């Protein structure tokens, strides 16, 4: 693996981390609660 690939991989991971963190902050600020009446087994 060359350094350029590792740098691009790190940047992509950083962008993904920032997006997930922003989504989490948005859900906390807006008091997001998925509706519990659905029959979806993938809710965590």
PDB file of N, CA and C in Angstrom:
ATOM      1  N   UNK A   1       0.834  -1.183   0.000  1.00  0.00           N
ATOM      2  CA  UNK A   1       0.000   0.000   0.000  1.00  0.00           C
ATOM      3  C   UNK A   1       0.875   1.241   0.000  1.00  0.00           C
ATOM      4  N   UNK A   2       0.532   2.136  -0.866  1.00  0.00           N
ATOM      5  CA  UNK A   2       1.331   3.358  -0.947  1.00  0.00           C
ATOM      6  C   UNK A   2       0.722   4.465  -0.081  1.00  0.00           C
ATOM      7  N   UNK A   3       1.498   5.464   0.252  1.00  0.00           N
ATOM      8  CA  UNK A   3       1.030   6.531   1.145  1.00  0.00           C
ATOM      9  C   UNK A   3      -0.150   7.334   0.599  1.00  0.00           C
ATOM     10  N   UNK A   4      -0.230   7.467  -0.710  1.00  0.00           N
ATOM     11  CA  UNK A   4      -1.332   8.238  -1.302  1.00  0.00           C
ATOM     12  C   UNK A   4      -2.655   7.527  -1.057  1.00  0.00           C
ATOM     13  N   UNK A   5      -2.662   6.206  -1.244  1.00  0.00           N
ATOM     14  CA  UNK A   5      -3.879   5.434  -0.994  1.00  0.00           C
ATOM     15  C   UNK A   5      -4.291   5.531   0.470  1.00  0.00           C
ATOM     16  N   UNK A   6      -3.341   5.428   1.363  1.00  0.00           N
ATOM     17  CA  UNK A   6      -3.652   5.511   2.791  1.00  0.00           C
ATOM     18  C   UNK A   6      -4.170   6.891   3.172  1.00  0.00           C
ATOM     19  N   UNK A   7      -3.613   7.940   2.572  1.00  0.00           N
ATOM     20  CA  UNK A   7      -4.094   9.294   2.852  1.00  0.00           C
ATOM     21  C   UNK A   7      -5.525   9.459   2.363  1.00  0.00           C
ATOM     22  N   UNK A   8      -5.832   8.962   1.164  1.00  0.00           N
ATOM     23  CA  UNK A   8      -7.195   9.056   0.637  1.00  0.00           C
ATOM     24  C   UNK A   8      -8.163   8.251   1.490  1.00  0.00           C
ATOM     25  N   UNK A   9      -7.722   7.093   1.956  1.00  0.00           N
ATOM     26  CA  UNK A   9      -8.562   6.267   2.815  1.00  0.00           C
ATOM     27  C   UNK A   9      -8.834   6.981   4.142  1.00  0.00           C
ATOM     28  N   UNK A  10      -7.835   7.635   4.692  1.00  0.00           N
ATOM     29  CA  UNK A  10      -8.014   8.383   5.940  1.00  0.00           C
ATOM     30  C   UNK A  10      -8.962   9.556   5.747  1.00  0.00           C
ATOM     31  N   UNK A  11      -8.859  10.254   4.633  1.00  0.00           N
ATOM     32  CA  UNK A  11      -9.750  11.383   4.353  1.00  0.00           C
ATOM     33  C   UNK A  11     -11.181  10.892   4.183  1.00  0.00           C
ATOM     34  N   UNK A  12     -11.372   9.781   3.490  1.00  0.00           N
ATOM     35  CA  UNK A  12     -12.717   9.229   3.317  1.00  0.00           C
ATOM     36  C   UNK A  12     -13.301   8.810   4.663  1.00  0.00           C
ATOM     37  N   UNK A  13     -12.493   8.205   5.515  1.00  0.00           N
ATOM     38  CA  UNK A  13     -12.956   7.825   6.845  1.00  0.00           C
ATOM     39  C   UNK A  13     -13.312   9.035   7.681  1.00  0.00           C
ATOM     40  N   UNK A  14     -12.533  10.093   7.570  1.00  0.00           N
ATOM     41  CA  UNK A  14     -12.806  11.327   8.305  1.00  0.00           C
ATOM     42  C   UNK A  14     -14.128  11.947   7.857  1.00  0.00           C
ATOM     43  N   UNK A  15     -14.363  11.982   6.561  1.00  0.00           N
ATOM     44  CA  UNK A  15     -15.610  12.539   6.034  1.00  0.00           C
ATOM     45  C   UNK A  15     -16.799  11.723   6.520  1.00  0.00           C
ATOM     46  N   UNK A  16     -16.677  10.403   6.484  1.00  0.00           N
ATOM     47  CA  UNK A  16     -17.756   9.536   6.955  1.00  0.00           C
ATOM     48  C   UNK A  16     -18.016   9.750   8.445  1.00  0.00           C
ATOM     49  N   UNK A  17     -16.959   9.880   9.223  1.00  0.00           N
ATOM     50  CA  UNK A  17     -17.099  10.111  10.658  1.00  0.00           C
ATOM     51  C   UNK A  17     -17.802  11.426  10.938  1.00  0.00           C
ATOM     52  N   UNK A  18     -17.440  12.477  10.219  1.00  0.00           N
ATOM     53  CA  UNK A  18     -18.071  13.788  10.419  1.00  0.00           C
ATOM     54  C   UNK A  18     -19.553  13.725  10.048  1.00  0.00           C
ATOM     55  N   UNK A  19     -19.882  13.050   8.965  1.00  0.00           N
ATOM     56  CA  UNK A  19     -21.285  12.959   8.562  1.00  0.00           C
ATOM     57  C   UNK A  19     -22.114  12.191   9.588  1.00  0.00           C
ATOM     58  N   UNK A  20     -21.579  11.101  10.110  1.00  0.00           N
ATOM     59  CA  UNK A  20     -22.315  10.325  11.119  1.00  0.00           C
ATOM     60  C   UNK A  20     -22.464  11.137  12.401  1.00  0.00           C
ATOM     61  N   UNK A  21     -21.416  11.873  12.784  1.00  0.00           N
ATOM     62  CA  UNK A  21     -21.498  12.706  13.984  1.00  0.00           C
ATOM     63  C   UNK A  21     -22.546  13.808  13.802  1.00  0.00           C
ATOM     64  N   UNK A  22     -22.577  14.450  12.649  1.00  0.00           N
ATOM     65  CA  UNK A  22     -23.579  15.489  12.392  1.00  0.00           C
ATOM     66  C   UNK A  22     -24.989  14.915  12.422  1.00  0.00           C
ATOM     67  N   UNK A  23     -25.171  13.718  11.889  1.00  0.00           N
ATOM     68  CA  UNK A  23     -26.479  13.074  11.918  1.00  0.00           C
ATOM     69  C   UNK A  23     -26.893  12.775  13.358  1.00  0.00           C
ATOM     70  N   UNK A  24     -25.962  12.307  14.168  1.00  0.00           N
ATOM     71  CA  UNK A  24     -26.265  12.040  15.566  1.00  0.00           C
ATOM     72  C   UNK A  24     -26.622  13.297  16.322  1.00  0.00           C
ATOM     73  N   UNK A  25     -25.887  14.373  16.088  1.00  0.00           N
ATOM     74  CA  UNK A  25     -26.189  15.649  16.738  1.00  0.00           C
ATOM     75  C   UNK A  25     -27.562  16.150  16.307  1.00  0.00           C
ATOM     76  N   UNK A  26     -27.880  16.012  15.026  1.00  0.00           N
ATOM     77  CA  UNK A  26     -29.191  16.427  14.519  1.00  0.00           C
ATOM     78  C   UNK A  26     -30.306  15.645  15.211  1.00  0.00           C
ATOM     79  N   UNK A  27     -30.115  14.322  15.370  1.00  0.00           N
ATOM     80  CA  UNK A  27     -31.145  13.503  16.012  1.00  0.00           C
ATOM     81  C   UNK A  27     -31.323  13.876  17.479  1.00  0.00           C
ATOM     82  N   UNK A  28     -30.246  14.209  18.176  1.00  0.00           N
ATOM     83  CA  UNK A  28     -30.345  14.613  19.578  1.00  0.00           C
ATOM     84  C   UNK A  28     -31.048  15.958  19.689  1.00  0.00           C
ATOM     85  N   UNK A  29     -30.691  16.901  18.835  1.00  0.00           N
ATOM     86  CA  UNK A  29     -31.272  18.240  18.906  1.00  0.00           C
ATOM     87  C   UNK A  29     -32.768  18.214  18.592  1.00  0.00           C
ATOM     88  N   UNK A  30     -33.176  17.385  17.635  1.00  0.00           N
ATOM     89  CA  UNK A  30     -34.584  17.356  17.230  1.00  0.00           C
ATOM     90  C   UNK A  30     -35.397  16.326  18.001  1.00  0.00           C
ATOM     91  N   UNK A  31     -34.792  15.655  18.991  1.00  0.00           N
ATOM     92  CA  UNK A  31     -35.472  14.615  19.778  1.00  0.00           C
ATOM     93  C   UNK A  31     -36.104  13.553  18.892  1.00  0.00           C
ATOM     94  N   UNK A  32     -35.322  13.048  17.951  1.00  0.00           N
ATOM     95  CA  UNK A  32     -35.806  12.044  16.995  1.00  0.00           C
ATOM     96  C   UNK A  32     -36.064  10.720  17.694  1.00  0.00           C
ATOM     97  N   UNK A  33     -37.255  10.168  17.473  1.00  0.00           N
ATOM     98  CA  UNK A  33     -37.602   8.834  17.965  1.00  0.00           C
ATOM     99  C   UNK A  33     -38.286   8.096  16.824  1.00  0.00           C
ATOM    100  N   UNK A  34     -37.734   6.965  16.390  1.00  0.00           N
ATOM    101  CA  UNK A  34     -38.425   6.208  15.341  1.00  0.00           C
ATOM    102  C   UNK A  34     -39.758   5.692  15.871  1.00  0.00           C
ATOM    103  N   UNK A  35     -40.748   5.595  15.014  1.00  0.00           N
ATOM    104  CA  UNK A  35     -42.042   5.153  15.528  1.00  0.00           C
ATOM    105  C   UNK A  35     -41.970   3.681  15.895  1.00  0.00           C
ATOM    106  N   UNK A  36     -42.482   3.373  17.045  1.00  0.00           N
ATOM    107  CA  UNK A  36     -42.359   2.027  17.596  1.00  0.00           C
ATOM    108  C   UNK A  36     -43.449   1.090  17.096  1.00  0.00           C
ATOM    109  N   UNK A  37     -44.334   1.568  16.251  1.00  0.00           N
ATOM    110  CA  UNK A  37     -45.429   0.726  15.784  1.00  0.00           C
ATOM    111  C   UNK A  37     -45.036  -0.083  14.562  1.00  0.00           C
ATOM    112  N   UNK A  38     -43.909   0.232  13.940  1.00  0.00           N
ATOM    113  CA  UNK A  38     -43.534  -0.513  12.742  1.00  0.00           C
ATOM    114  C   UNK A  38     -43.056  -1.905  13.109  1.00  0.00           C
ATOM    115  N   UNK A  39     -43.070  -2.802  12.173  1.00  0.00           N
ATOM    116  CA  UNK A  39     -42.676  -4.178  12.411  1.00  0.00           C
ATOM    117  C   UNK A  39     -41.257  -4.421  11.881  1.00  0.00           C
ATOM    118  N   UNK A  40     -40.404  -3.421  11.982  1.00  0.00           N
ATOM    119  CA  UNK A  40     -39.047  -3.518  11.467  1.00  0.00           C
ATOM    120  C   UNK A  40     -38.149  -4.110  12.546  1.00  0.00           C
ATOM    121  N   UNK A  41     -37.486  -5.218  12.245  1.00  0.00           N
ATOM    122  CA  UNK A  41     -36.633  -5.884  13.234  1.00  0.00           C
ATOM    123  C   UNK A  41     -35.232  -5.326  13.247  1.00  0.00           C
ATOM    124  N   UNK A  42     -34.926  -4.353  12.385  1.00  0.00           N
ATOM    125  CA  UNK A  42     -33.577  -3.797  12.311  1.00  0.00           C
ATOM    126  C   UNK A  42     -33.395  -2.580  13.200  1.00  0.00           C
ATOM    127  N   UNK A  43     -34.430  -2.204  13.966  1.00  0.00           N
ATOM    128  CA  UNK A  43     -34.263  -1.071  14.876  1.00  0.00           C
ATOM    129  C   UNK A  43     -33.293  -1.444  15.976  1.00  0.00           C
ATOM    130  N   UNK A  44     -32.390  -0.543  16.281  1.00  0.00           N
ATOM    131  CA  UNK A  44     -31.428  -0.820  17.342  1.00  0.00           C
ATOM    132  C   UNK A  44     -31.835  -0.088  18.604  1.00  0.00           C
TER     133      UNK A  44
END
